[in-house]
Amino acid sequence: MKIQNQVRDDKGFTLIELLIVVAIIGIIAAIAVPGLLRARQSGNEASAIASMRTIGGAEATYAASCGGGGYAPTLENLALAPAGGVGFISPDLATTGVTKSGYTMTLAVGTDATVVAASAATCNAGAATVASFYAHAEPVTVGSTGQRSFATDNRGTIFQLATGATIPATMAGATSLQ
């Protein structure tokens, strides 16, 4: 009688080896995910600050060239183009309450609501201009899309509030970024 030698093929991984690899990947992911979320939140905050600067600069340009010395009371008015030109802000900021990069942007009349020029006197035939403006940005979800809220007004300074709550038009409780 002849005995056959059976050769066993042991190629591949054992279940234990695969579980160890999965556990290592899980540990690496647990370490990396919070850092990625913080980076996203930081990027959203930088975008909100840039939007506040954009609105402030657009308002200054509007007052000097189009508004008869006054400011646009809404983002819609600031986005209107003068005859043969372009609007003072980009279309992504052109509506009140717009959400951009996890922040809600709003433009309103500031603490001085005095009408400076009637709508007929503005170059874009928008609305009457006012003596002051107040722009603010709050995170959609505090702690997730952003931690801080931001605001600016006709003084051109960017203010922040660490709680993410709306900064009042008087900027009470907020600190300056500049």
C-alpha atoms as a PDB file:
ATOM      1  CA  MET A   1       0.000   0.000   0.000  1.00  0.00           C
ATOM      2  CA  LYS A   2       1.169   3.367  -0.957  1.00  0.00           C
ATOM      3  CA  ILE A   3       0.919   6.340   1.478  1.00  0.00           C
ATOM      4  CA  GLN A   4       0.215   9.670  -0.122  1.00  0.00           C
ATOM      5  CA  ASN A   5       1.825  12.762   1.288  1.00  0.00           C
ATOM      6  CA  GLN A   6      -0.676  15.538   1.367  1.00  0.00           C
ATOM      7  CA  VAL A   7       0.853  18.966   1.228  1.00  0.00           C
ATOM      8  CA  ARG A   8      -1.035  21.497   3.258  1.00  0.00           C
ATOM      9  CA  ASP A   9      -1.338  24.999   1.766  1.00  0.00           C
ATOM     10  CA  ASP A  10      -1.016  27.568   4.596  1.00  0.00           C
ATOM     11  CA  LYS A  11      -1.094  30.743   2.489  1.00  0.00           C
ATOM     12  CA  GLY A  12      -3.185  33.655   3.806  1.00  0.00           C
ATOM     13  CA  PHE A  13      -3.889  35.263   7.162  1.00  0.00           C
ATOM     14  CA  THR A  14      -5.383  33.841  10.289  1.00  0.00           C
ATOM     15  CA  LEU A  15      -8.418  35.363  11.929  1.00  0.00           C
ATOM     16  CA  ILE A  16      -6.285  36.626  14.826  1.00  0.00           C
ATOM     17  CA  GLU A  17      -3.935  38.464  12.463  1.00  0.00           C
ATOM     18  CA  LEU A  18      -6.864  40.132  10.689  1.00  0.00           C
ATOM     19  CA  LEU A  19      -8.414  41.210  14.007  1.00  0.00           C
ATOM     20  CA  ILE A  20      -5.124  42.763  15.112  1.00  0.00           C
ATOM     21  CA  VAL A  21      -4.890  44.776  11.868  1.00  0.00           C
ATOM     22  CA  VAL A  22      -8.495  45.985  12.229  1.00  0.00           C
ATOM     23  CA  ALA A  23      -7.830  47.006  15.850  1.00  0.00           C
ATOM     24  CA  ILE A  24      -4.736  48.995  14.824  1.00  0.00           C
ATOM     25  CA  ILE A  25      -6.704  50.795  12.083  1.00  0.00           C
ATOM     26  CA  GLY A  26      -9.444  51.589  14.612  1.00  0.00           C
ATOM     27  CA  ILE A  27      -6.935  53.093  17.056  1.00  0.00           C
ATOM     28  CA  ILE A  28      -5.347  55.241  14.346  1.00  0.00           C
ATOM     29  CA  ALA A  29      -8.793  56.454  13.215  1.00  0.00           C
ATOM     30  CA  ALA A  30      -9.783  57.290  16.809  1.00  0.00           C
ATOM     31  CA  ILE A  31      -6.674  59.442  17.125  1.00  0.00           C
ATOM     32  CA  ALA A  32      -7.039  61.160  13.715  1.00  0.00           C
ATOM     33  CA  VAL A  33     -10.776  61.976  13.567  1.00  0.00           C
ATOM     34  CA  PRO A  34     -10.874  64.622  16.349  1.00  0.00           C
ATOM     35  CA  GLY A  35      -7.938  66.417  14.745  1.00  0.00           C
ATOM     36  CA  LEU A  36      -9.684  66.433  11.384  1.00  0.00           C
ATOM     37  CA  LEU A  37     -12.874  67.815  12.955  1.00  0.00           C
ATOM     38  CA  ARG A  38     -10.905  70.600  14.668  1.00  0.00           C
ATOM     39  CA  ALA A  39      -9.233  71.439  11.346  1.00  0.00           C
ATOM     40  CA  ARG A  40     -12.634  71.647   9.629  1.00  0.00           C
ATOM     41  CA  GLN A  41     -13.981  73.873  12.401  1.00  0.00           C
ATOM     42  CA  SER A  42     -10.929  76.132  12.138  1.00  0.00           C
ATOM     43  CA  GLY A  43     -11.401  76.400   8.362  1.00  0.00           C
ATOM     44  CA  ASN A  44     -15.066  77.349   8.821  1.00  0.00           C
ATOM     45  CA  GLU A  45     -14.093  80.060  11.325  1.00  0.00           C
ATOM     46  CA  ALA A  46     -11.462  81.443   8.933  1.00  0.00           C
ATOM     47  CA  SER A  47     -14.085  81.570   6.180  1.00  0.00           C
ATOM     48  CA  ALA A  48     -16.509  83.444   8.473  1.00  0.00           C
ATOM     49  CA  ILE A  49     -13.808  85.995   9.367  1.00  0.00           C
ATOM     50  CA  ALA A  50     -13.024  86.470   5.671  1.00  0.00           C
ATOM     51  CA  SER A  51     -16.730  86.970   4.929  1.00  0.00           C
ATOM     52  CA  MET A  52     -16.955  89.632   7.652  1.00  0.00           C
ATOM     53  CA  ARG A  53     -13.942  91.408   6.140  1.00  0.00           C
ATOM     54  CA  THR A  54     -15.492  91.159   2.684  1.00  0.00           C
ATOM     55  CA  ILE A  55     -18.785  92.645   3.856  1.00  0.00           C
ATOM     56  CA  GLY A  56     -16.994  95.438   5.748  1.00  0.00           C
ATOM     57  CA  GLY A  57     -14.855  96.320   2.735  1.00  0.00           C
ATOM     58  CA  ALA A  58     -17.840  96.181   0.387  1.00  0.00           C
ATOM     59  CA  GLU A  59     -19.808  98.500   2.681  1.00  0.00           C
ATOM     60  CA  ALA A  60     -16.921 101.004   2.746  1.00  0.00           C
ATOM     61  CA  THR A  61     -16.694 100.925  -1.053  1.00  0.00           C
ATOM     62  CA  TYR A  62     -20.478 101.237  -1.365  1.00  0.00           C
ATOM     63  CA  ALA A  63     -20.552 104.271   0.967  1.00  0.00           C
ATOM     64  CA  ALA A  64     -17.698 105.985  -0.850  1.00  0.00           C
ATOM     65  CA  SER A  65     -18.802 105.340  -4.427  1.00  0.00           C
ATOM     66  CA  CYS A  66     -22.493 104.565  -4.517  1.00  0.00           C
ATOM     67  CA  GLY A  67     -24.378 105.214  -1.304  1.00  0.00           C
ATOM     68  CA  GLY A  68     -23.961 108.948  -0.916  1.00  0.00           C
ATOM     69  CA  GLY A  69     -21.923 108.416   2.257  1.00  0.00           C
ATOM     70  CA  GLY A  70     -24.343 105.864   3.708  1.00  0.00           C
ATOM     71  CA  TYR A  71     -24.248 102.084   4.023  1.00  0.00           C
ATOM     72  CA  ALA A  72     -26.424  99.407   2.411  1.00  0.00           C
ATOM     73  CA  PRO A  73     -28.930  98.081   4.965  1.00  0.00           C
ATOM     74  CA  THR A  74     -29.061  94.488   3.609  1.00  0.00           C
ATOM     75  CA  LEU A  75     -26.866  92.021   1.772  1.00  0.00           C
ATOM     76  CA  GLU A  76     -29.350  92.075  -1.116  1.00  0.00           C
ATOM     77  CA  ASN A  77     -28.782  95.828  -1.589  1.00  0.00           C
ATOM     78  CA  LEU A  78     -25.030  95.376  -1.342  1.00  0.00           C
ATOM     79  CA  ALA A  79     -25.166  92.702  -4.064  1.00  0.00           C
ATOM     80  CA  LEU A  80     -27.072  94.924  -6.524  1.00  0.00           C
ATOM     81  CA  ALA A  81     -24.911  96.073  -9.392  1.00  0.00           C
ATOM     82  CA  PRO A  82     -24.744  99.706 -10.403  1.00  0.00           C
ATOM     83  CA  ALA A  83     -25.525 100.394 -14.071  1.00  0.00           C
ATOM     84  CA  GLY A  84     -22.890  98.705 -16.206  1.00  0.00           C
ATOM     85  CA  GLY A  85     -21.037  97.245 -13.220  1.00  0.00           C
ATOM     86  CA  VAL A  86     -20.914  94.371 -10.787  1.00  0.00           C
ATOM     87  CA  GLY A  87     -22.261  94.046  -7.283  1.00  0.00           C
ATOM     88  CA  PHE A  88     -20.206  94.979  -4.252  1.00  0.00           C
ATOM     89  CA  ILE A  89     -20.231  91.410  -2.859  1.00  0.00           C
ATOM     90  CA  SER A  90     -20.139  88.021  -4.529  1.00  0.00           C
ATOM     91  CA  PRO A  91     -23.353  86.046  -5.150  1.00  0.00           C
ATOM     92  CA  ASP A  92     -22.513  83.546  -2.381  1.00  0.00           C
ATOM     93  CA  LEU A  93     -23.163  86.312   0.190  1.00  0.00           C
ATOM     94  CA  ALA A  94     -26.032  87.998  -1.638  1.00  0.00           C
ATOM     95  CA  THR A  95     -28.946  87.047   0.641  1.00  0.00           C
ATOM     96  CA  THR A  96     -29.662  87.805   4.283  1.00  0.00           C
ATOM     97  CA  GLY A  97     -29.297  84.737   6.461  1.00  0.00           C
ATOM     98  CA  VAL A  98     -27.117  82.921   3.935  1.00  0.00           C
ATOM     99  CA  THR A  99     -25.269  79.857   5.212  1.00  0.00           C
ATOM    100  CA  LYS A 100     -21.673  79.581   4.069  1.00  0.00           C
ATOM    101  CA  SER A 101     -19.047  77.165   5.431  1.00  0.00           C
ATOM    102  CA  GLY A 102     -21.130  76.253   8.457  1.00  0.00           C
ATOM    103  CA  TYR A 103     -21.912  79.860   9.429  1.00  0.00           C
ATOM    104  CA  THR A 104     -25.042  81.969   8.989  1.00  0.00           C
ATOM    105  CA  MET A 105     -24.216  85.494   7.715  1.00  0.00           C
ATOM    106  CA  THR A 106     -26.526  88.445   8.325  1.00  0.00           C
ATOM    107  CA  LEU A 107     -26.324  92.182   7.593  1.00  0.00           C
ATOM    108  CA  ALA A 108     -28.572  94.655   9.373  1.00  0.00           C
ATOM    109  CA  VAL A 109     -28.855  98.328  10.217  1.00  0.00           C
ATOM    110  CA  GLY A 110     -26.398  99.251  12.965  1.00  0.00           C
ATOM    111  CA  THR A 111     -26.959 101.259  16.116  1.00  0.00           C
ATOM    112  CA  ASP A 112     -27.496 104.474  14.130  1.00  0.00           C
ATOM    113  CA  ALA A 113     -30.509 103.933  11.846  1.00  0.00           C
ATOM    114  CA  THR A 114     -30.514 107.487  10.472  1.00  0.00           C
ATOM    115  CA  VAL A 115     -31.273 107.541   6.739  1.00  0.00           C
ATOM    116  CA  VAL A 116     -28.370 109.137   4.876  1.00  0.00           C
ATOM    117  CA  ALA A 117     -29.580 108.992   1.280  1.00  0.00           C
ATOM    118  CA  ALA A 118     -32.909 108.044  -0.298  1.00  0.00           C
ATOM    119  CA  SER A 119     -32.943 105.022  -2.605  1.00  0.00           C
ATOM    120  CA  ALA A 120     -33.178 107.268  -5.675  1.00  0.00           C
ATOM    121  CA  ALA A 121     -29.833 108.825  -4.741  1.00  0.00           C
ATOM    122  CA  THR A 122     -27.930 105.517  -4.700  1.00  0.00           C
ATOM    123  CA  CYS A 123     -26.205 104.291  -7.833  1.00  0.00           C
ATOM    124  CA  ASN A 124     -27.934 100.905  -7.820  1.00  0.00           C
ATOM    125  CA  ALA A 125     -31.469 102.140  -6.991  1.00  0.00           C
ATOM    126  CA  GLY A 126     -31.559  99.700  -4.075  1.00  0.00           C
ATOM    127  CA  ALA A 127     -32.799 101.001  -0.738  1.00  0.00           C
ATOM    128  CA  ALA A 128     -32.169 104.115   1.259  1.00  0.00           C
ATOM    129  CA  THR A 129     -28.712 104.118   2.842  1.00  0.00           C
ATOM    130  CA  VAL A 130     -28.183 104.263   6.601  1.00  0.00           C
ATOM    131  CA  ALA A 131     -25.560 105.802   8.875  1.00  0.00           C
ATOM    132  CA  SER A 132     -24.280 102.472  10.241  1.00  0.00           C
ATOM    133  CA  PHE A 133     -24.338  98.749   9.508  1.00  0.00           C
ATOM    134  CA  TYR A 134     -23.894  95.601  11.559  1.00  0.00           C
ATOM    135  CA  ALA A 135     -22.825  92.276  10.020  1.00  0.00           C
ATOM    136  CA  HIS A 136     -22.607  89.099  12.058  1.00  0.00           C
ATOM    137  CA  ALA A 137     -21.900  85.380  11.588  1.00  0.00           C
ATOM    138  CA  GLU A 138     -22.885  82.559  13.930  1.00  0.00           C
ATOM    139  CA  PRO A 139     -22.034  78.868  13.626  1.00  0.00           C
ATOM    140  CA  VAL A 140     -24.935  76.695  12.468  1.00  0.00           C
ATOM    141  CA  THR A 141     -24.054  74.175  15.192  1.00  0.00           C
ATOM    142  CA  VAL A 142     -21.860  75.512  18.005  1.00  0.00           C
ATOM    143  CA  GLY A 143     -19.046  73.056  18.715  1.00  0.00           C
ATOM    144  CA  SER A 144     -19.418  71.288  15.375  1.00  0.00           C
ATOM    145  CA  THR A 145     -19.357  73.762  12.467  1.00  0.00           C
ATOM    146  CA  GLY A 146     -17.638  76.438  14.567  1.00  0.00           C
ATOM    147  CA  GLN A 147     -17.054  77.539  18.133  1.00  0.00           C
ATOM    148  CA  ARG A 148     -16.856  81.344  17.889  1.00  0.00           C
ATOM    149  CA  SER A 149     -19.236  83.944  16.453  1.00  0.00           C
ATOM    150  CA  PHE A 150     -18.013  87.046  14.600  1.00  0.00           C
ATOM    151  CA  ALA A 151     -19.295  90.535  13.827  1.00  0.00           C
ATOM    152  CA  THR A 152     -18.222  93.806  12.259  1.00  0.00           C
ATOM    153  CA  ASP A 153     -19.668  97.271  11.809  1.00  0.00           C
ATOM    154  CA  ASN A 154     -18.849 100.587  10.146  1.00  0.00           C
ATOM    155  CA  ARG A 155     -15.698 100.932  12.312  1.00  0.00           C
ATOM    156  CA  GLY A 156     -14.142  98.062  10.319  1.00  0.00           C
ATOM    157  CA  THR A 157     -13.060  96.006  13.342  1.00  0.00           C
ATOM    158  CA  ILE A 158     -13.843  92.281  13.494  1.00  0.00           C
ATOM    159  CA  PHE A 159     -15.193  91.145  16.876  1.00  0.00           C
ATOM    160  CA  GLN A 160     -15.501  87.614  18.259  1.00  0.00           C
ATOM    161  CA  LEU A 161     -17.464  85.881  20.988  1.00  0.00           C
ATOM    162  CA  ALA A 162     -16.131  82.517  22.211  1.00  0.00           C
ATOM    163  CA  THR A 163     -19.567  81.079  23.071  1.00  0.00           C
ATOM    164  CA  GLY A 164     -20.862  81.194  19.493  1.00  0.00           C
ATOM    165  CA  ALA A 165     -23.871  83.274  20.522  1.00  0.00           C
ATOM    166  CA  THR A 166     -25.011  86.265  18.458  1.00  0.00           C
ATOM    167  CA  ILE A 167     -22.915  89.354  19.150  1.00  0.00           C
ATOM    168  CA  PRO A 168     -25.174  92.375  19.837  1.00  0.00           C
ATOM    169  CA  ALA A 169     -24.930  95.422  17.556  1.00  0.00           C
ATOM    170  CA  THR A 170     -23.238  97.310  20.389  1.00  0.00           C
ATOM    171  CA  MET A 171     -20.498  94.617  20.387  1.00  0.00           C
ATOM    172  CA  ALA A 172     -21.013  94.249  24.171  1.00  0.00           C
ATOM    173  CA  GLY A 173     -19.109  91.272  25.558  1.00  0.00           C
ATOM    174  CA  ALA A 174     -17.141  90.677  22.350  1.00  0.00           C
ATOM    175  CA  THR A 175     -13.396  90.995  21.944  1.00  0.00           C
ATOM    176  CA  SER A 176     -11.557  92.457  18.970  1.00  0.00           C
ATOM    177  CA  LEU A 177      -9.595  90.189  16.633  1.00  0.00           C
ATOM    178  CA  GLN A 178      -7.335  92.991  15.423  1.00  0.00           C
END
